[in-house]
Amino acid sequence: MIQFLAATLMWGLVLCLLPGIQRRADQSIVVAAVTIAAALTLNVDRVYSAGDALLGGRNVLDLGANILMVVGIYFLSRAILRAADPDDIPSGHDRLGIAVLGLVIAGLIVCFSLIEAPYSSTTFMKDFGDQWSAATYSALQFVYIGAVVSVTGYTCFRFRGDMSRPYFRVAFTLIGVGCSLAVVLVLAVLGMDVLHLQGDLAGMYALSVVYDGAFIGAMAFLCVGLALPPMARRLQRIKDSKAEASLVSGLTEVWERMTESMPEIRLVSAVPADRQKSARWRLHRMLVEVQDALLMDPGLSKTLDEGDRRLLERVERYLAAGPGGRADRADPRPTRKGERTS
């Protein structure tokens, strides 16, 4: 049930991320969400039993799910670190990170090959975790996850106050809490591995309660934190579109009146139809052309009433504020306060 709930949360995150995939320069977050969601889905009992049976009933699917999980955690961390501090993360390949990930995957394969697991099990570590090879197999995976999420969580808490948009500050706080719970999860797993080797099953089961709570908590906080920015941007674009359409409608009459005798400056009417679909571009051009008309014929200012002047001021303030009511930036990343955006 826990695996099913976690998988559902991750697939929900994937659905939140997909609409903006074409606008996103770095696809690490999408890769991470899909990979982790796939790993969690493979651990759902019915999926695992059916899939592992097709692979010979030797728990190969457990190895596949764990490899997908560490790969997903790597891409998740990379995406969050780049969002928090883009200048500190190179845009090219992370050779060291990939090398460490490769060593972890190789270690998982070697450890798995040494585990005696003669039958398919949906509770793999419960059934075979008393073997040193199985304990090492589990510890290797979770030590790597713990190290990665520790760095990621620290980065989120460090930079959350520097985000220029409120929803990014909230998102980084939620992700930081999720990473903290993931560290608790890792410690619980390592403790369970040790207790299992010692034969203390009562202690292992008691610690599993901590594992269950930390697992669901970490997934919930991470998913909500990661889904918040794209959802907030989507809502902001809807709000901006409505505001721009309203301003264009209001400014059209003023623009037509000001430029009626100067058709040569009417670029709004001259551009291709696909360019005119952008309400923001039309609003900007109409304002520029009204201002040009007033410069070319100052007498036109006498035809502007108080409502017209207030409308022009509103348009100027709106365009100066930029999308979402902030300083206009071409880069959609969570730019930090005072950071140069060119």
Protein backbone atom coordinates (compact mmCIF):
# COMPACT_ATOMS: atom_id res chain seq x y z
CA MET A 1 0.00 0.00 0.00
CA ILE A 2 2.83 2.39 0.89
CA GLN A 3 4.63 1.73 -2.38
CA PHE A 4 1.41 2.24 -4.33
CA LEU A 5 0.75 5.57 -2.57
CA ALA A 6 4.33 6.75 -3.17
CA ALA A 7 4.16 5.73 -6.84
CA THR A 8 0.86 7.59 -7.23
CA LEU A 9 2.41 10.75 -5.78
CA MET A 10 5.36 10.53 -8.16
CA TRP A 11 3.21 9.94 -11.24
CA GLY A 12 1.12 12.91 -10.16
CA LEU A 13 4.32 14.97 -10.13
CA VAL A 14 5.13 13.74 -13.63
CA LEU A 15 1.73 14.94 -14.84
CA CYS A 16 2.42 18.37 -13.30
CA LEU A 17 5.79 18.60 -15.06
CA LEU A 18 4.78 17.42 -18.53
CA PRO A 19 2.85 20.53 -19.73
CA GLY A 20 5.97 22.73 -19.51
CA ILE A 21 8.44 20.23 -20.91
CA GLN A 22 9.03 22.12 -24.17
CA ARG A 23 9.85 25.36 -22.37
CA ARG A 24 12.27 23.70 -19.96
CA ALA A 25 15.94 23.85 -21.04
CA ASP A 26 17.07 21.27 -18.46
CA GLN A 27 14.98 18.09 -18.45
CA SER A 28 16.69 16.57 -15.38
CA ILE A 29 13.64 17.04 -13.19
CA VAL A 30 11.38 15.24 -15.67
CA VAL A 31 13.88 12.39 -16.06
CA ALA A 32 14.15 12.13 -12.28
CA ALA A 33 10.39 12.09 -11.72
CA VAL A 34 9.73 9.47 -14.40
CA THR A 35 12.62 7.27 -13.25
CA ILE A 36 11.70 7.39 -9.56
CA ALA A 37 8.02 6.84 -10.38
CA ALA A 38 8.96 3.78 -12.46
CA ALA A 39 11.14 2.43 -9.63
CA LEU A 40 8.33 2.83 -7.10
CA THR A 41 5.82 1.26 -9.48
CA LEU A 42 8.02 -1.80 -9.92
CA ASN A 43 7.96 -2.24 -6.13
CA VAL A 44 4.16 -2.40 -5.98
CA ASP A 45 3.45 -6.04 -5.01
CA ARG A 46 1.25 -7.00 -7.97
CA VAL A 47 3.52 -5.32 -10.50
CA TYR A 48 6.61 -6.85 -8.92
CA SER A 49 5.19 -10.37 -8.78
CA ALA A 50 4.02 -10.29 -12.40
CA GLY A 51 7.16 -8.63 -13.73
CA ASP A 52 9.63 -10.76 -11.82
CA ALA A 53 7.83 -13.92 -12.92
CA LEU A 54 8.46 -12.90 -16.53
CA LEU A 55 12.16 -12.47 -15.70
CA GLY A 56 12.53 -15.92 -14.19
CA GLY A 57 11.41 -15.34 -10.61
CA ARG A 58 14.91 -14.53 -9.32
CA ASN A 59 14.22 -11.01 -7.99
CA VAL A 60 15.99 -9.36 -10.90
CA LEU A 61 13.20 -6.78 -10.84
CA ASP A 62 14.34 -5.70 -7.36
CA LEU A 63 17.77 -4.93 -8.77
CA GLY A 64 16.23 -3.07 -11.70
CA ALA A 65 14.01 -0.99 -9.40
CA ASN A 66 16.93 -0.08 -7.15
CA ILE A 67 19.09 0.95 -10.10
CA LEU A 68 16.26 3.13 -11.40
CA MET A 69 15.94 4.68 -7.94
CA VAL A 70 19.59 5.73 -7.63
CA VAL A 71 19.54 7.06 -11.19
CA GLY A 72 16.40 9.04 -10.42
CA ILE A 73 17.88 10.43 -7.20
CA TYR A 74 20.97 11.57 -9.13
CA PHE A 75 18.92 13.48 -11.70
CA LEU A 76 16.63 14.86 -8.99
CA SER A 77 19.57 16.25 -7.07
CA ARG A 78 21.14 17.68 -10.21
CA ALA A 79 17.90 19.46 -11.16
CA ILE A 80 17.42 20.96 -7.68
CA LEU A 81 21.04 22.06 -7.34
CA ARG A 82 20.93 23.76 -10.74
CA ALA A 83 17.70 25.52 -9.84
CA ALA A 84 19.14 26.69 -6.51
CA ASP A 85 22.46 27.95 -7.85
CA PRO A 86 22.76 27.71 -11.66
CA ASP A 87 26.19 29.37 -11.72
CA ASP A 88 27.78 26.71 -9.50
CA ILE A 89 26.59 23.74 -11.59
CA PRO A 90 28.20 23.30 -15.02
CA SER A 91 25.78 22.99 -17.90
CA GLY A 92 27.74 20.09 -19.39
CA HIS A 93 28.08 16.54 -18.12
CA ASP A 94 28.71 16.01 -14.41
CA ARG A 95 31.61 13.59 -14.86
CA LEU A 96 32.30 13.04 -11.17
CA GLY A 97 28.63 12.54 -10.32
CA ILE A 98 28.14 10.12 -13.21
CA ALA A 99 31.30 8.24 -12.24
CA VAL A 100 30.12 7.82 -8.66
CA LEU A 101 26.67 6.76 -9.88
CA GLY A 102 28.29 4.20 -12.17
CA LEU A 103 30.32 2.76 -9.30
CA VAL A 104 27.20 2.50 -7.14
CA ILE A 105 25.29 0.69 -9.90
CA ALA A 106 28.23 -1.67 -10.44
CA GLY A 107 28.37 -2.32 -6.69
CA LEU A 108 24.64 -3.07 -6.58
CA ILE A 109 24.99 -5.60 -9.40
CA VAL A 110 27.95 -7.33 -7.71
CA CYS A 111 26.25 -7.48 -4.31
CA PHE A 112 22.99 -8.72 -5.83
CA SER A 113 24.82 -11.53 -7.62
CA LEU A 114 26.14 -12.78 -4.25
CA ILE A 115 22.72 -12.92 -2.56
CA GLU A 116 21.08 -16.33 -2.24
CA ALA A 117 17.49 -15.59 -3.21
CA PRO A 118 16.01 -18.79 -4.65
CA TYR A 119 12.45 -17.51 -4.99
CA SER A 120 10.69 -14.31 -5.96
CA SER A 121 9.79 -12.15 -2.98
CA THR A 122 7.87 -8.89 -2.65
CA THR A 123 9.60 -8.44 0.74
CA PHE A 124 13.14 -8.97 -0.52
CA MET A 125 15.13 -7.52 2.42
CA LYS A 126 12.78 -9.04 5.00
CA ASP A 127 13.32 -12.51 3.53
CA PHE A 128 17.01 -12.31 2.57
CA GLY A 129 18.36 -9.38 4.62
CA ASP A 130 20.12 -11.66 7.12
CA GLN A 131 22.86 -12.21 4.53
CA TRP A 132 25.90 -9.91 4.53
CA SER A 133 25.68 -9.54 0.77
CA ALA A 134 22.05 -8.39 1.04
CA ALA A 135 22.85 -5.97 3.86
CA THR A 136 25.69 -4.52 1.79
CA TYR A 137 23.41 -4.34 -1.25
CA SER A 138 20.87 -2.32 0.75
CA ALA A 139 23.45 -0.17 2.54
CA LEU A 140 25.22 0.77 -0.68
CA GLN A 141 22.00 2.04 -2.23
CA PHE A 142 20.84 3.98 0.79
CA VAL A 143 24.22 5.44 1.75
CA TYR A 144 24.38 6.89 -1.76
CA ILE A 145 20.82 8.20 -1.50
CA GLY A 146 21.54 9.64 1.95
CA ALA A 147 24.66 11.46 0.78
CA VAL A 148 22.90 12.93 -2.27
CA VAL A 149 19.76 14.09 -0.47
CA SER A 150 21.82 15.53 2.40
CA VAL A 151 23.66 17.82 0.00
CA THR A 152 20.43 18.62 -1.82
CA GLY A 153 18.52 19.43 1.37
CA TYR A 154 21.33 21.63 2.68
CA THR A 155 21.38 23.53 -0.62
CA CYS A 156 17.61 24.07 -0.50
CA PHE A 157 17.70 25.52 3.00
CA ARG A 158 20.75 27.60 2.16
CA PHE A 159 19.25 29.27 -0.92
CA ARG A 160 15.54 29.31 -0.10
CA GLY A 161 15.70 32.90 1.20
CA ASP A 162 17.47 34.10 -1.95
CA MET A 163 14.72 33.11 -4.37
CA SER A 164 13.09 36.10 -6.07
CA ARG A 165 9.61 34.51 -6.20
CA PRO A 166 7.63 33.55 -3.08
CA TYR A 167 6.50 30.21 -4.48
CA PHE A 168 10.12 29.18 -5.04
CA ARG A 169 10.91 29.97 -1.41
CA VAL A 170 8.02 27.78 -0.29
CA ALA A 171 8.98 25.05 -2.76
CA PHE A 172 12.60 24.94 -1.61
CA THR A 173 11.49 24.77 2.01
CA LEU A 174 9.21 21.81 1.24
CA ILE A 175 11.94 20.06 -0.74
CA GLY A 176 14.41 20.66 2.10
CA VAL A 177 11.97 19.09 4.58
CA GLY A 178 11.49 16.17 2.18
CA CYS A 179 15.25 15.66 1.94
CA SER A 180 15.52 15.77 5.74
CA LEU A 181 12.88 13.06 6.03
CA ALA A 182 14.74 11.08 3.37
CA VAL A 183 17.85 11.20 5.58
CA VAL A 184 15.75 9.84 8.48
CA LEU A 185 14.55 7.12 6.09
CA VAL A 186 18.14 6.22 5.18
CA LEU A 187 19.18 5.99 8.84
CA ALA A 188 16.17 3.78 9.55
CA VAL A 189 17.09 1.43 6.69
CA LEU A 190 20.71 1.18 7.82
CA GLY A 191 19.54 0.48 11.36
CA MET A 192 17.16 -2.22 10.12
CA ASP A 193 19.96 -3.81 8.09
CA VAL A 194 22.20 -4.02 11.18
CA LEU A 195 19.43 -5.36 13.41
CA HIS A 196 18.52 -7.97 10.81
CA LEU A 197 22.10 -9.21 10.65
CA GLN A 198 22.11 -9.47 14.45
CA GLY A 199 18.83 -11.40 14.39
CA ASP A 200 16.96 -8.73 16.34
CA LEU A 201 13.72 -8.99 14.39
CA ALA A 202 11.65 -7.21 17.05
CA GLY A 203 13.92 -4.17 16.88
CA MET A 204 13.88 -4.29 13.09
CA TYR A 205 10.06 -4.30 12.96
CA ALA A 206 9.91 -1.44 15.48
CA LEU A 207 12.26 0.61 13.31
CA SER A 208 10.18 -0.18 10.25
CA VAL A 209 7.47 2.12 11.65
CA VAL A 210 9.95 5.01 11.41
CA TYR A 211 10.82 3.88 7.89
CA ASP A 212 7.16 3.88 6.78
CA GLY A 213 6.44 7.33 8.18
CA ALA A 214 9.65 8.87 6.83
CA PHE A 215 9.12 7.29 3.41
CA ILE A 216 5.61 8.64 2.89
CA GLY A 217 6.55 12.00 4.41
CA ALA A 218 9.61 12.38 2.19
CA MET A 219 7.66 11.51 -0.96
CA ALA A 220 4.81 13.86 -0.08
CA PHE A 221 7.02 16.87 0.71
CA LEU A 222 9.26 16.30 -2.31
CA CYS A 223 6.37 15.89 -4.72
CA VAL A 224 4.50 18.94 -3.47
CA GLY A 225 7.67 21.03 -3.43
CA LEU A 226 8.65 20.01 -6.95
CA ALA A 227 5.14 20.43 -8.34
CA LEU A 228 4.60 23.89 -6.83
CA PRO A 229 6.78 25.98 -9.22
CA PRO A 230 5.35 24.65 -12.52
CA MET A 231 1.80 24.86 -11.19
CA ALA A 232 2.36 28.40 -9.91
CA ARG A 233 3.90 29.46 -13.24
CA ARG A 234 0.94 27.97 -15.09
CA LEU A 235 -1.53 29.88 -12.95
CA GLN A 236 0.52 33.06 -13.34
CA ARG A 237 0.52 32.70 -17.13
CA ILE A 238 -3.28 32.35 -17.07
CA LYS A 239 -3.54 35.46 -14.89
CA ASP A 240 -1.13 37.37 -17.16
CA SER A 241 -3.05 36.34 -20.28
CA LYS A 242 -6.32 37.64 -18.85
CA ALA A 243 -4.69 40.89 -17.74
CA GLU A 244 -3.01 41.41 -21.12
CA ALA A 245 -6.21 40.70 -23.06
CA SER A 246 -8.07 43.23 -20.89
CA LEU A 247 -5.39 45.90 -21.37
CA VAL A 248 -5.21 45.32 -25.14
CA SER A 249 -8.97 45.67 -25.37
CA GLY A 250 -8.89 48.90 -23.41
CA LEU A 251 -5.91 50.38 -25.25
CA THR A 252 -7.16 49.59 -28.76
CA GLU A 253 -9.49 52.59 -28.94
CA VAL A 254 -6.75 54.99 -27.76
CA TRP A 255 -4.23 53.45 -30.17
CA GLU A 256 -6.58 53.71 -33.14
CA ARG A 257 -7.36 57.33 -32.33
CA MET A 258 -3.71 58.32 -31.84
CA THR A 259 -2.33 56.56 -34.94
CA GLU A 260 -5.27 57.03 -37.32
CA SER A 261 -3.51 59.84 -39.20
CA MET A 262 -0.09 58.08 -39.09
CA PRO A 263 -0.49 54.66 -40.72
CA GLU A 264 3.26 54.47 -41.34
CA ILE A 265 3.94 53.81 -37.63
CA ARG A 266 1.29 51.08 -37.31
CA LEU A 267 3.54 48.03 -37.08
CA VAL A 268 0.87 46.19 -35.09
CA SER A 269 -1.19 45.89 -38.27
CA ALA A 270 1.81 45.06 -40.45
CA VAL A 271 3.26 42.03 -38.64
CA PRO A 272 2.30 38.43 -39.51
CA ALA A 273 -0.77 36.98 -37.83
CA ASP A 274 1.26 34.53 -35.73
CA ARG A 275 3.13 37.40 -34.08
CA GLN A 276 -0.12 39.18 -33.35
CA LYS A 277 -1.31 36.21 -31.29
CA SER A 278 0.92 37.41 -28.45
CA ALA A 279 -1.21 39.81 -26.41
CA ARG A 280 1.87 41.04 -24.59
CA TRP A 281 3.66 41.86 -27.85
CA ARG A 282 0.59 43.69 -29.16
CA LEU A 283 0.28 45.62 -25.91
CA HIS A 284 3.92 46.67 -26.08
CA ARG A 285 3.71 47.71 -29.73
CA MET A 286 0.49 49.64 -29.23
CA LEU A 287 2.00 51.57 -26.33
CA VAL A 288 5.15 52.36 -28.34
CA GLU A 289 3.10 53.53 -31.31
CA VAL A 290 0.89 55.77 -29.13
CA GLN A 291 4.02 57.30 -27.62
CA ASP A 292 5.55 57.76 -31.08
CA ALA A 293 2.38 59.47 -32.29
CA LEU A 294 2.47 61.86 -29.32
CA LEU A 295 6.11 62.70 -30.03
CA MET A 296 5.41 63.32 -33.71
CA ASP A 297 2.27 65.39 -32.96
CA PRO A 298 2.25 66.77 -29.39
CA GLY A 299 -1.14 68.30 -30.05
CA LEU A 300 -2.68 64.82 -29.86
CA SER A 301 -2.16 64.84 -26.10
CA LYS A 302 -5.11 67.24 -25.83
CA THR A 303 -7.41 64.47 -27.05
CA LEU A 304 -6.48 62.23 -24.12
CA ASP A 305 -8.84 62.42 -21.18
CA GLU A 306 -7.99 61.45 -17.59
CA GLY A 307 -9.14 57.86 -18.15
CA ASP A 308 -6.88 57.50 -21.20
CA ARG A 309 -3.87 58.77 -19.25
CA ARG A 310 -4.54 56.39 -16.37
CA LEU A 311 -4.84 53.51 -18.84
CA LEU A 312 -1.50 54.39 -20.46
CA GLU A 313 0.13 54.52 -17.03
CA ARG A 314 -1.35 51.13 -16.15
CA VAL A 315 0.03 49.62 -19.36
CA GLU A 316 3.47 51.14 -18.72
CA ARG A 317 3.55 49.80 -15.15
CA TYR A 318 2.36 46.37 -16.26
CA LEU A 319 4.99 46.04 -18.99
CA ALA A 320 7.74 47.38 -16.70
CA ALA A 321 6.86 44.83 -14.04
CA GLY A 322 7.22 41.96 -16.51
CA PRO A 323 5.50 38.55 -16.43
CA GLY A 324 4.25 37.67 -13.00
CA GLY A 325 4.61 41.25 -11.76
CA ARG A 326 8.40 41.22 -11.40
CA ALA A 327 11.31 42.81 -13.19
CA ASP A 328 11.15 41.54 -16.76
CA ARG A 329 13.50 38.63 -17.38
CA ALA A 330 13.98 36.33 -20.30
CA ASP A 331 15.28 33.54 -18.07
CA PRO A 332 12.45 31.61 -16.36
CA ARG A 333 14.73 30.12 -13.73
CA PRO A 334 14.34 31.10 -10.05
CA THR A 335 16.77 34.03 -10.29
CA ARG A 336 18.18 35.10 -6.94
CA LYS A 337 17.80 38.59 -5.57
CA GLY A 338 20.28 40.96 -7.12
CA GLU A 339 21.48 38.41 -9.67
CA ARG A 340 22.28 39.80 -13.09
CA THR A 341 19.88 38.29 -15.61
CA SER A 342 21.49 39.11 -18.93
